[in-house]
Amino acid sequence: MTIEELKELKANKTVDARGTACPGPLLEAKKTIGTIQAGDIMEVLSADEGSKVDIPKWCTKQGHEYLGTIEESGYFKIFLKKK
């Protein structure tokens, strides 16, 4: 997805993990994914640089669809779709 398309997405669930260090954002994503339905979009907010690699890798391993990442000032918005 393009940055513009990502900015237009409406997440069904947002996980704010900006206050946690690795592996906190990934653990929060793992915990929260069970609370949404298949096809729902989850947005993970993280200030941890490693999340840009860890979360997409986890999505691939678990069969979820990584949609993309937007870099904001001081944090990242990482989007995925539950399969």
PDB file of N, CA and C in Angstrom:
ATOM      1  N   MET A   1       0.844  -1.192   0.000  1.00  0.00           N
ATOM      2  CA  MET A   1       0.000   0.000   0.000  1.00  0.00           C
ATOM      3  C   MET A   1       0.881   1.244   0.000  1.00  0.00           C
ATOM      4  N   THR A   2       0.366   2.298  -0.598  1.00  0.00           N
ATOM      5  CA  THR A   2       1.102   3.560  -0.593  1.00  0.00           C
ATOM      6  C   THR A   2       0.890   4.267   0.751  1.00  0.00           C
ATOM      7  N   ILE A   3       1.719   5.248   1.015  1.00  0.00           N
ATOM      8  CA  ILE A   3       1.584   6.041   2.250  1.00  0.00           C
ATOM      9  C   ILE A   3       0.203   6.705   2.286  1.00  0.00           C
ATOM     10  N   GLU A   4      -0.239   7.210   1.134  1.00  0.00           N
ATOM     11  CA  GLU A   4      -1.542   7.862   1.077  1.00  0.00           C
ATOM     12  C   GLU A   4      -2.664   6.883   1.427  1.00  0.00           C
ATOM     13  N   GLU A   5      -2.574   5.652   0.893  1.00  0.00           N
ATOM     14  CA  GLU A   5      -3.589   4.643   1.203  1.00  0.00           C
ATOM     15  C   GLU A   5      -3.563   4.274   2.683  1.00  0.00           C
ATOM     16  N   LEU A   6      -2.358   4.159   3.249  1.00  0.00           N
ATOM     17  CA  LEU A   6      -2.241   3.842   4.673  1.00  0.00           C
ATOM     18  C   LEU A   6      -2.861   4.940   5.525  1.00  0.00           C
ATOM     19  N   LYS A   7      -2.648   6.190   5.135  1.00  0.00           N
ATOM     20  CA  LYS A   7      -3.193   7.317   5.906  1.00  0.00           C
ATOM     21  C   LYS A   7      -4.721   7.333   5.867  1.00  0.00           C
ATOM     22  N   GLU A   8      -5.318   6.756   4.844  1.00  0.00           N
ATOM     23  CA  GLU A   8      -6.776   6.716   4.709  1.00  0.00           C
ATOM     24  C   GLU A   8      -7.403   5.544   5.464  1.00  0.00           C
ATOM     25  N   LEU A   9      -6.590   4.573   5.871  1.00  0.00           N
ATOM     26  CA  LEU A   9      -7.115   3.388   6.563  1.00  0.00           C
ATOM     27  C   LEU A   9      -7.760   3.760   7.894  1.00  0.00           C
ATOM     28  N   LYS A  10      -8.841   3.088   8.198  1.00  0.00           N
ATOM     29  CA  LYS A  10      -9.489   3.236   9.504  1.00  0.00           C
ATOM     30  C   LYS A  10      -9.276   1.923  10.254  1.00  0.00           C
ATOM     31  N   ALA A  11      -8.417   1.957  11.249  1.00  0.00           N
ATOM     32  CA  ALA A  11      -8.111   0.752  12.015  1.00  0.00           C
ATOM     33  C   ALA A  11      -9.280   0.372  12.920  1.00  0.00           C
ATOM     34  N   ASN A  12      -9.531  -0.929  13.011  1.00  0.00           N
ATOM     35  CA  ASN A  12     -10.548  -1.428  13.928  1.00  0.00           C
ATOM     36  C   ASN A  12     -10.032  -1.396  15.357  1.00  0.00           C
ATOM     37  N   LYS A  13      -8.708  -1.470  15.506  1.00  0.00           N
ATOM     38  CA  LYS A  13      -8.089  -1.485  16.839  1.00  0.00           C
ATOM     39  C   LYS A  13      -6.726  -0.808  16.733  1.00  0.00           C
ATOM     40  N   THR A  14      -6.421   0.058  17.712  1.00  0.00           N
ATOM     41  CA  THR A  14      -5.113   0.710  17.781  1.00  0.00           C
ATOM     42  C   THR A  14      -4.431   0.280  19.066  1.00  0.00           C
ATOM     43  N   VAL A  15      -3.172  -0.146  18.924  1.00  0.00           N
ATOM     44  CA  VAL A  15      -2.358  -0.538  20.070  1.00  0.00           C
ATOM     45  C   VAL A  15      -1.293   0.543  20.241  1.00  0.00           C
ATOM     46  N   ASP A  16      -1.349   1.258  21.352  1.00  0.00           N
ATOM     47  CA  ASP A  16      -0.355   2.303  21.608  1.00  0.00           C
ATOM     48  C   ASP A  16       0.748   1.727  22.488  1.00  0.00           C
ATOM     49  N   ALA A  17       1.849   1.327  21.848  1.00  0.00           N
ATOM     50  CA  ALA A  17       2.982   0.725  22.559  1.00  0.00           C
ATOM     51  C   ALA A  17       4.191   1.647  22.516  1.00  0.00           C
ATOM     52  N   ARG A  18       3.957   2.936  22.371  1.00  0.00           N
ATOM     53  CA  ARG A  18       5.069   3.891  22.265  1.00  0.00           C
ATOM     54  C   ARG A  18       5.904   3.976  23.531  1.00  0.00           C
ATOM     55  N   GLY A  19       5.334   3.624  24.662  1.00  0.00           N
ATOM     56  CA  GLY A  19       6.075   3.718  25.919  1.00  0.00           C
ATOM     57  C   GLY A  19       6.856   2.456  26.258  1.00  0.00           C
ATOM     58  N   THR A  20       6.867   1.473  25.363  1.00  0.00           N
ATOM     59  CA  THR A  20       7.556   0.216  25.651  1.00  0.00           C
ATOM     60  C   THR A  20       8.727   0.002  24.703  1.00  0.00           C
ATOM     61  N   ALA A  21       9.742  -0.667  25.207  1.00  0.00           N
ATOM     62  CA  ALA A  21      10.903  -1.010  24.389  1.00  0.00           C
ATOM     63  C   ALA A  21      10.743  -2.444  23.893  1.00  0.00           C
ATOM     64  N   CYS A  22      11.558  -2.801  22.938  1.00  0.00           N
ATOM     65  CA  CYS A  22      11.546  -4.154  22.379  1.00  0.00           C
ATOM     66  C   CYS A  22      11.686  -5.176  23.499  1.00  0.00           C
ATOM     67  N   PRO A  23      10.884  -6.204  23.547  1.00  0.00           N
ATOM     68  CA  PRO A  23       9.888  -6.659  22.581  1.00  0.00           C
ATOM     69  C   PRO A  23       8.469  -6.206  22.908  1.00  0.00           C
ATOM     70  N   GLY A  24       8.307  -5.160  23.703  1.00  0.00           N
ATOM     71  CA  GLY A  24       6.988  -4.699  24.144  1.00  0.00           C
ATOM     72  C   GLY A  24       5.962  -4.491  23.040  1.00  0.00           C
ATOM     73  N   PRO A  25       6.293  -3.732  21.973  1.00  0.00           N
ATOM     74  CA  PRO A  25       5.295  -3.519  20.925  1.00  0.00           C
ATOM     75  C   PRO A  25       4.824  -4.826  20.266  1.00  0.00           C
ATOM     76  N   LEU A  26       5.730  -5.742  20.039  1.00  0.00           N
ATOM     77  CA  LEU A  26       5.357  -7.025  19.444  1.00  0.00           C
ATOM     78  C   LEU A  26       4.474  -7.824  20.396  1.00  0.00           C
ATOM     79  N   LEU A  27       4.821  -7.831  21.669  1.00  0.00           N
ATOM     80  CA  LEU A  27       4.009  -8.552  22.654  1.00  0.00           C
ATOM     81  C   LEU A  27       2.606  -7.954  22.749  1.00  0.00           C
ATOM     82  N   GLU A  28       2.508  -6.641  22.693  1.00  0.00           N
ATOM     83  CA  GLU A  28       1.197  -5.982  22.724  1.00  0.00           C
ATOM     84  C   GLU A  28       0.383  -6.347  21.481  1.00  0.00           C
ATOM     85  N   ALA A  29       1.045  -6.400  20.330  1.00  0.00           N
ATOM     86  CA  ALA A  29       0.362  -6.784  19.089  1.00  0.00           C
ATOM     87  C   ALA A  29      -0.137  -8.223  19.182  1.00  0.00           C
ATOM     88  N   LYS A  30       0.691  -9.117  19.705  1.00  0.00           N
ATOM     89  CA  LYS A  30       0.307 -10.530  19.847  1.00  0.00           C
ATOM     90  C   LYS A  30      -0.907 -10.670  20.762  1.00  0.00           C
ATOM     91  N   LYS A  31      -0.910  -9.900  21.852  1.00  0.00           N
ATOM     92  CA  LYS A  31      -2.008  -9.961  22.820  1.00  0.00           C
ATOM     93  C   LYS A  31      -3.308  -9.407  22.212  1.00  0.00           C
ATOM     94  N   THR A  32      -3.197  -8.330  21.472  1.00  0.00           N
ATOM     95  CA  THR A  32      -4.374  -7.637  20.956  1.00  0.00           C
ATOM     96  C   THR A  32      -4.976  -8.319  19.729  1.00  0.00           C
ATOM     97  N   ILE A  33      -4.174  -9.006  18.939  1.00  0.00           N
ATOM     98  CA  ILE A  33      -4.682  -9.619  17.706  1.00  0.00           C
ATOM     99  C   ILE A  33      -5.831 -10.586  18.003  1.00  0.00           C
ATOM    100  N   GLY A  34      -5.816 -11.187  19.185  1.00  0.00           N
ATOM    101  CA  GLY A  34      -6.881 -12.112  19.561  1.00  0.00           C
ATOM    102  C   GLY A  34      -8.206 -11.447  19.869  1.00  0.00           C
ATOM    103  N   THR A  35      -8.211 -10.119  19.973  1.00  0.00           N
ATOM    104  CA  THR A  35      -9.438  -9.408  20.328  1.00  0.00           C
ATOM    105  C   THR A  35     -10.173  -8.858  19.112  1.00  0.00           C
ATOM    106  N   ILE A  36      -9.598  -9.049  17.907  1.00  0.00           N
ATOM    107  CA  ILE A  36     -10.249  -8.546  16.700  1.00  0.00           C
ATOM    108  C   ILE A  36     -10.641  -9.703  15.791  1.00  0.00           C
ATOM    109  N   GLN A  37     -11.511  -9.412  14.854  1.00  0.00           N
ATOM    110  CA  GLN A  37     -12.030 -10.428  13.935  1.00  0.00           C
ATOM    111  C   GLN A  37     -11.128 -10.554  12.701  1.00  0.00           C
ATOM    112  N   ALA A  38     -11.204 -11.698  12.039  1.00  0.00           N
ATOM    113  CA  ALA A  38     -10.495 -11.882  10.773  1.00  0.00           C
ATOM    114  C   ALA A  38     -10.961 -10.813   9.791  1.00  0.00           C
ATOM    115  N   GLY A  39     -10.023 -10.203   9.100  1.00  0.00           N
ATOM    116  CA  GLY A  39     -10.337  -9.131   8.160  1.00  0.00           C
ATOM    117  C   GLY A  39     -10.233  -7.746   8.766  1.00  0.00           C
ATOM    118  N   ASP A  40     -10.180  -7.671  10.106  1.00  0.00           N
ATOM    119  CA  ASP A  40     -10.036  -6.377  10.776  1.00  0.00           C
ATOM    120  C   ASP A  40      -8.610  -5.859  10.624  1.00  0.00           C
ATOM    121  N   ILE A  41      -8.485  -4.534  10.702  1.00  0.00           N
ATOM    122  CA  ILE A  41      -7.186  -3.886  10.596  1.00  0.00           C
ATOM    123  C   ILE A  41      -6.755  -3.399  11.970  1.00  0.00           C
ATOM    124  N   MET A  42      -5.500  -3.697  12.301  1.00  0.00           N
ATOM    125  CA  MET A  42      -4.919  -3.251  13.564  1.00  0.00           C
ATOM    126  C   MET A  42      -3.764  -2.302  13.254  1.00  0.00           C
ATOM    127  N   GLU A  43      -3.690  -1.246  14.042  1.00  0.00           N
ATOM    128  CA  GLU A  43      -2.627  -0.259  13.929  1.00  0.00           C
ATOM    129  C   GLU A  43      -1.802  -0.340  15.209  1.00  0.00           C
ATOM    130  N   VAL A  44      -0.480  -0.480  15.065  1.00  0.00           N
ATOM    131  CA  VAL A  44       0.407  -0.524  16.218  1.00  0.00           C
ATOM    132  C   VAL A  44       1.257   0.741  16.200  1.00  0.00           C
ATOM    133  N   LEU A  45       1.209   1.494  17.289  1.00  0.00           N
ATOM    134  CA  LEU A  45       2.041   2.690  17.437  1.00  0.00           C
ATOM    135  C   LEU A  45       3.258   2.306  18.259  1.00  0.00           C
ATOM    136  N   SER A  46       4.441   2.552  17.715  1.00  0.00           N
ATOM    137  CA  SER A  46       5.665   2.153  18.398  1.00  0.00           C
ATOM    138  C   SER A  46       6.778   3.148  18.132  1.00  0.00           C
ATOM    139  N   ALA A  47       7.538   3.449  19.182  1.00  0.00           N
ATOM    140  CA  ALA A  47       8.712   4.302  19.040  1.00  0.00           C
ATOM    141  C   ALA A  47       9.980   3.457  18.909  1.00  0.00           C
ATOM    142  N   ASP A  48       9.817   2.142  18.995  1.00  0.00           N
ATOM    143  CA  ASP A  48      10.964   1.230  18.926  1.00  0.00           C
ATOM    144  C   ASP A  48      11.293   0.899  17.469  1.00  0.00           C
ATOM    145  N   GLU A  49      12.506   1.202  17.063  1.00  0.00           N
ATOM    146  CA  GLU A  49      12.976   0.985  15.693  1.00  0.00           C
ATOM    147  C   GLU A  49      12.823  -0.476  15.248  1.00  0.00           C
ATOM    148  N   GLY A  50      13.044  -1.404  16.166  1.00  0.00           N
ATOM    149  CA  GLY A  50      12.974  -2.821  15.851  1.00  0.00           C
ATOM    150  C   GLY A  50      11.589  -3.292  15.443  1.00  0.00           C
ATOM    151  N   SER A  51      10.567  -2.562  15.846  1.00  0.00           N
ATOM    152  CA  SER A  51       9.187  -2.935  15.511  1.00  0.00           C
ATOM    153  C   SER A  51       8.947  -2.938  14.005  1.00  0.00           C
ATOM    154  N   LYS A  52       9.665  -2.074  13.273  1.00  0.00           N
ATOM    155  CA  LYS A  52       9.494  -1.999  11.821  1.00  0.00           C
ATOM    156  C   LYS A  52       9.890  -3.311  11.145  1.00  0.00           C
ATOM    157  N   VAL A  53      10.729  -4.091  11.798  1.00  0.00           N
ATOM    158  CA  VAL A  53      11.159  -5.390  11.264  1.00  0.00           C
ATOM    159  C   VAL A  53      10.397  -6.518  11.958  1.00  0.00           C
ATOM    160  N   ASP A  54      10.299  -6.439  13.289  1.00  0.00           N
ATOM    161  CA  ASP A  54       9.702  -7.526  14.073  1.00  0.00           C
ATOM    162  C   ASP A  54       8.233  -7.788  13.738  1.00  0.00           C
ATOM    163  N   ILE A  55       7.432  -6.745  13.641  1.00  0.00           N
ATOM    164  CA  ILE A  55       6.002  -6.933  13.429  1.00  0.00           C
ATOM    165  C   ILE A  55       5.699  -7.481  12.032  1.00  0.00           C
ATOM    166  N   PRO A  56       6.305  -6.943  10.954  1.00  0.00           N
ATOM    167  CA  PRO A  56       6.065  -7.569   9.644  1.00  0.00           C
ATOM    168  C   PRO A  56       6.516  -9.035   9.585  1.00  0.00           C
ATOM    169  N   LYS A  57       7.636  -9.348  10.228  1.00  0.00           N
ATOM    170  CA  LYS A  57       8.132 -10.730  10.254  1.00  0.00           C
ATOM    171  C   LYS A  57       7.144 -11.636  10.987  1.00  0.00           C
ATOM    172  N   TRP A  58       6.622 -11.154  12.106  1.00  0.00           N
ATOM    173  CA  TRP A  58       5.631 -11.904  12.880  1.00  0.00           C
ATOM    174  C   TRP A  58       4.366 -12.120  12.048  1.00  0.00           C
ATOM    175  N   CYS A  59       3.931 -11.085  11.317  1.00  0.00           N
ATOM    176  CA  CYS A  59       2.736 -11.204  10.460  1.00  0.00           C
ATOM    177  C   CYS A  59       2.922 -12.342   9.460  1.00  0.00           C
ATOM    178  N   THR A  60       4.060 -12.392   8.825  1.00  0.00           N
ATOM    179  CA  THR A  60       4.344 -13.433   7.841  1.00  0.00           C
ATOM    180  C   THR A  60       4.292 -14.814   8.481  1.00  0.00           C
ATOM    181  N   LYS A  61       4.909 -14.954   9.651  1.00  0.00           N
ATOM    182  CA  LYS A  61       4.937 -16.247  10.332  1.00  0.00           C
ATOM    183  C   LYS A  61       3.542 -16.692  10.758  1.00  0.00           C
ATOM    184  N   GLN A  62       2.687 -15.742  11.146  1.00  0.00           N
ATOM    185  CA  GLN A  62       1.357 -16.060  11.662  1.00  0.00           C
ATOM    186  C   GLN A  62       0.277 -16.075  10.580  1.00  0.00           C
ATOM    187  N   GLY A  63       0.624 -15.642   9.379  1.00  0.00           N
ATOM    188  CA  GLY A  63      -0.347 -15.638   8.292  1.00  0.00           C
ATOM    189  C   GLY A  63      -1.196 -14.380   8.205  1.00  0.00           C
ATOM    190  N   HIS A  64      -0.836 -13.343   8.952  1.00  0.00           N
ATOM    191  CA  HIS A  64      -1.547 -12.069   8.867  1.00  0.00           C
ATOM    192  C   HIS A  64      -0.933 -11.244   7.737  1.00  0.00           C
ATOM    193  N   GLU A  65      -1.642 -10.242   7.282  1.00  0.00           N
ATOM    194  CA  GLU A  65      -1.161  -9.419   6.179  1.00  0.00           C
ATOM    195  C   GLU A  65      -0.582  -8.106   6.708  1.00  0.00           C
ATOM    196  N   TYR A  66       0.712  -7.921   6.499  1.00  0.00           N
ATOM    197  CA  TYR A  66       1.362  -6.649   6.835  1.00  0.00           C
ATOM    198  C   TYR A  66       1.000  -5.656   5.741  1.00  0.00           C
ATOM    199  N   LEU A  67       0.423  -4.528   6.123  1.00  0.00           N
ATOM    200  CA  LEU A  67      -0.035  -3.549   5.139  1.00  0.00           C
ATOM    201  C   LEU A  67       0.962  -2.435   4.882  1.00  0.00           C
ATOM    202  N   GLY A  68       1.763  -2.085   5.894  1.00  0.00           N
ATOM    203  CA  GLY A  68       2.752  -1.026   5.710  1.00  0.00           C
ATOM    204  C   GLY A  68       2.993  -0.239   6.978  1.00  0.00           C
ATOM    205  N   THR A  69       3.974   0.653   6.886  1.00  0.00           N
ATOM    206  CA  THR A  69       4.386   1.478   8.033  1.00  0.00           C
ATOM    207  C   THR A  69       4.463   2.936   7.609  1.00  0.00           C
ATOM    208  N   ILE A  70       3.976   3.800   8.472  1.00  0.00           N
ATOM    209  CA  ILE A  70       4.113   5.250   8.293  1.00  0.00           C
ATOM    210  C   ILE A  70       5.034   5.754   9.386  1.00  0.00           C
ATOM    211  N   GLU A  71       6.051   6.526   9.000  1.00  0.00           N
ATOM    212  CA  GLU A  71       6.938   7.132   9.992  1.00  0.00           C
ATOM    213  C   GLU A  71       6.382   8.491  10.366  1.00  0.00           C
ATOM    214  N   GLU A  72       6.088   8.637  11.654  1.00  0.00           N
ATOM    215  CA  GLU A  72       5.632   9.918  12.188  1.00  0.00           C
ATOM    216  C   GLU A  72       6.798  10.547  12.942  1.00  0.00           C
ATOM    217  N   SER A  73       6.569  11.673  13.548  1.00  0.00           N
ATOM    218  CA  SER A  73       7.620  12.343  14.311  1.00  0.00           C
ATOM    219  C   SER A  73       7.850  11.601  15.634  1.00  0.00           C
ATOM    220  N   GLY A  74       8.906  10.801  15.697  1.00  0.00           N
ATOM    221  CA  GLY A  74       9.266  10.113  16.925  1.00  0.00           C
ATOM    222  C   GLY A  74       8.642   8.739  17.119  1.00  0.00           C
ATOM    223  N   TYR A  75       7.819   8.279  16.180  1.00  0.00           N
ATOM    224  CA  TYR A  75       7.229   6.942  16.300  1.00  0.00           C
ATOM    225  C   TYR A  75       6.770   6.440  14.932  1.00  0.00           C
ATOM    226  N   PHE A  76       6.328   5.185  14.912  1.00  0.00           N
ATOM    227  CA  PHE A  76       5.862   4.549  13.690  1.00  0.00           C
ATOM    228  C   PHE A  76       4.420   4.084  13.864  1.00  0.00           C
ATOM    229  N   LYS A  77       3.667   4.111  12.769  1.00  0.00           N
ATOM    230  CA  LYS A  77       2.334   3.519  12.713  1.00  0.00           C
ATOM    231  C   LYS A  77       2.465   2.305  11.812  1.00  0.00           C
ATOM    232  N   ILE A  78       2.249   1.128  12.384  1.00  0.00           N
ATOM    233  CA  ILE A  78       2.400  -0.119  11.644  1.00  0.00           C
ATOM    234  C   ILE A  78       1.017  -0.735  11.489  1.00  0.00           C
ATOM    235  N   PHE A  79       0.640  -1.041  10.253  1.00  0.00           N
ATOM    236  CA  PHE A  79      -0.700  -1.544   9.946  1.00  0.00           C
ATOM    237  C   PHE A  79      -0.651  -3.002   9.522  1.00  0.00           C
ATOM    238  N   LEU A  80      -1.614  -3.778  10.015  1.00  0.00           N
ATOM    239  CA  LEU A  80      -1.732  -5.172   9.591  1.00  0.00           C
ATOM    240  C   LEU A  80      -3.192  -5.580   9.563  1.00  0.00           C
ATOM    241  N   LYS A  81      -3.469  -6.611   8.777  1.00  0.00           N
ATOM    242  CA  LYS A  81      -4.827  -7.151   8.674  1.00  0.00           C
ATOM    243  C   LYS A  81      -4.810  -8.575   9.193  1.00  0.00           C
ATOM    244  N   LYS A  82      -5.723  -8.855  10.116  1.00  0.00           N
ATOM    245  CA  LYS A  82      -5.815 -10.200  10.681  1.00  0.00           C
ATOM    246  C   LYS A  82      -6.402 -11.152   9.661  1.00  0.00           C
ATOM    247  N   LYS A  83      -5.787 -12.308   9.512  1.00  0.00           N
ATOM    248  CA  LYS A  83      -6.279 -13.338   8.572  1.00  0.00           C
ATOM    249  C   LYS A  83      -6.975 -14.438   9.326  1.00  0.00           C
TER     250      LYS A  83
END
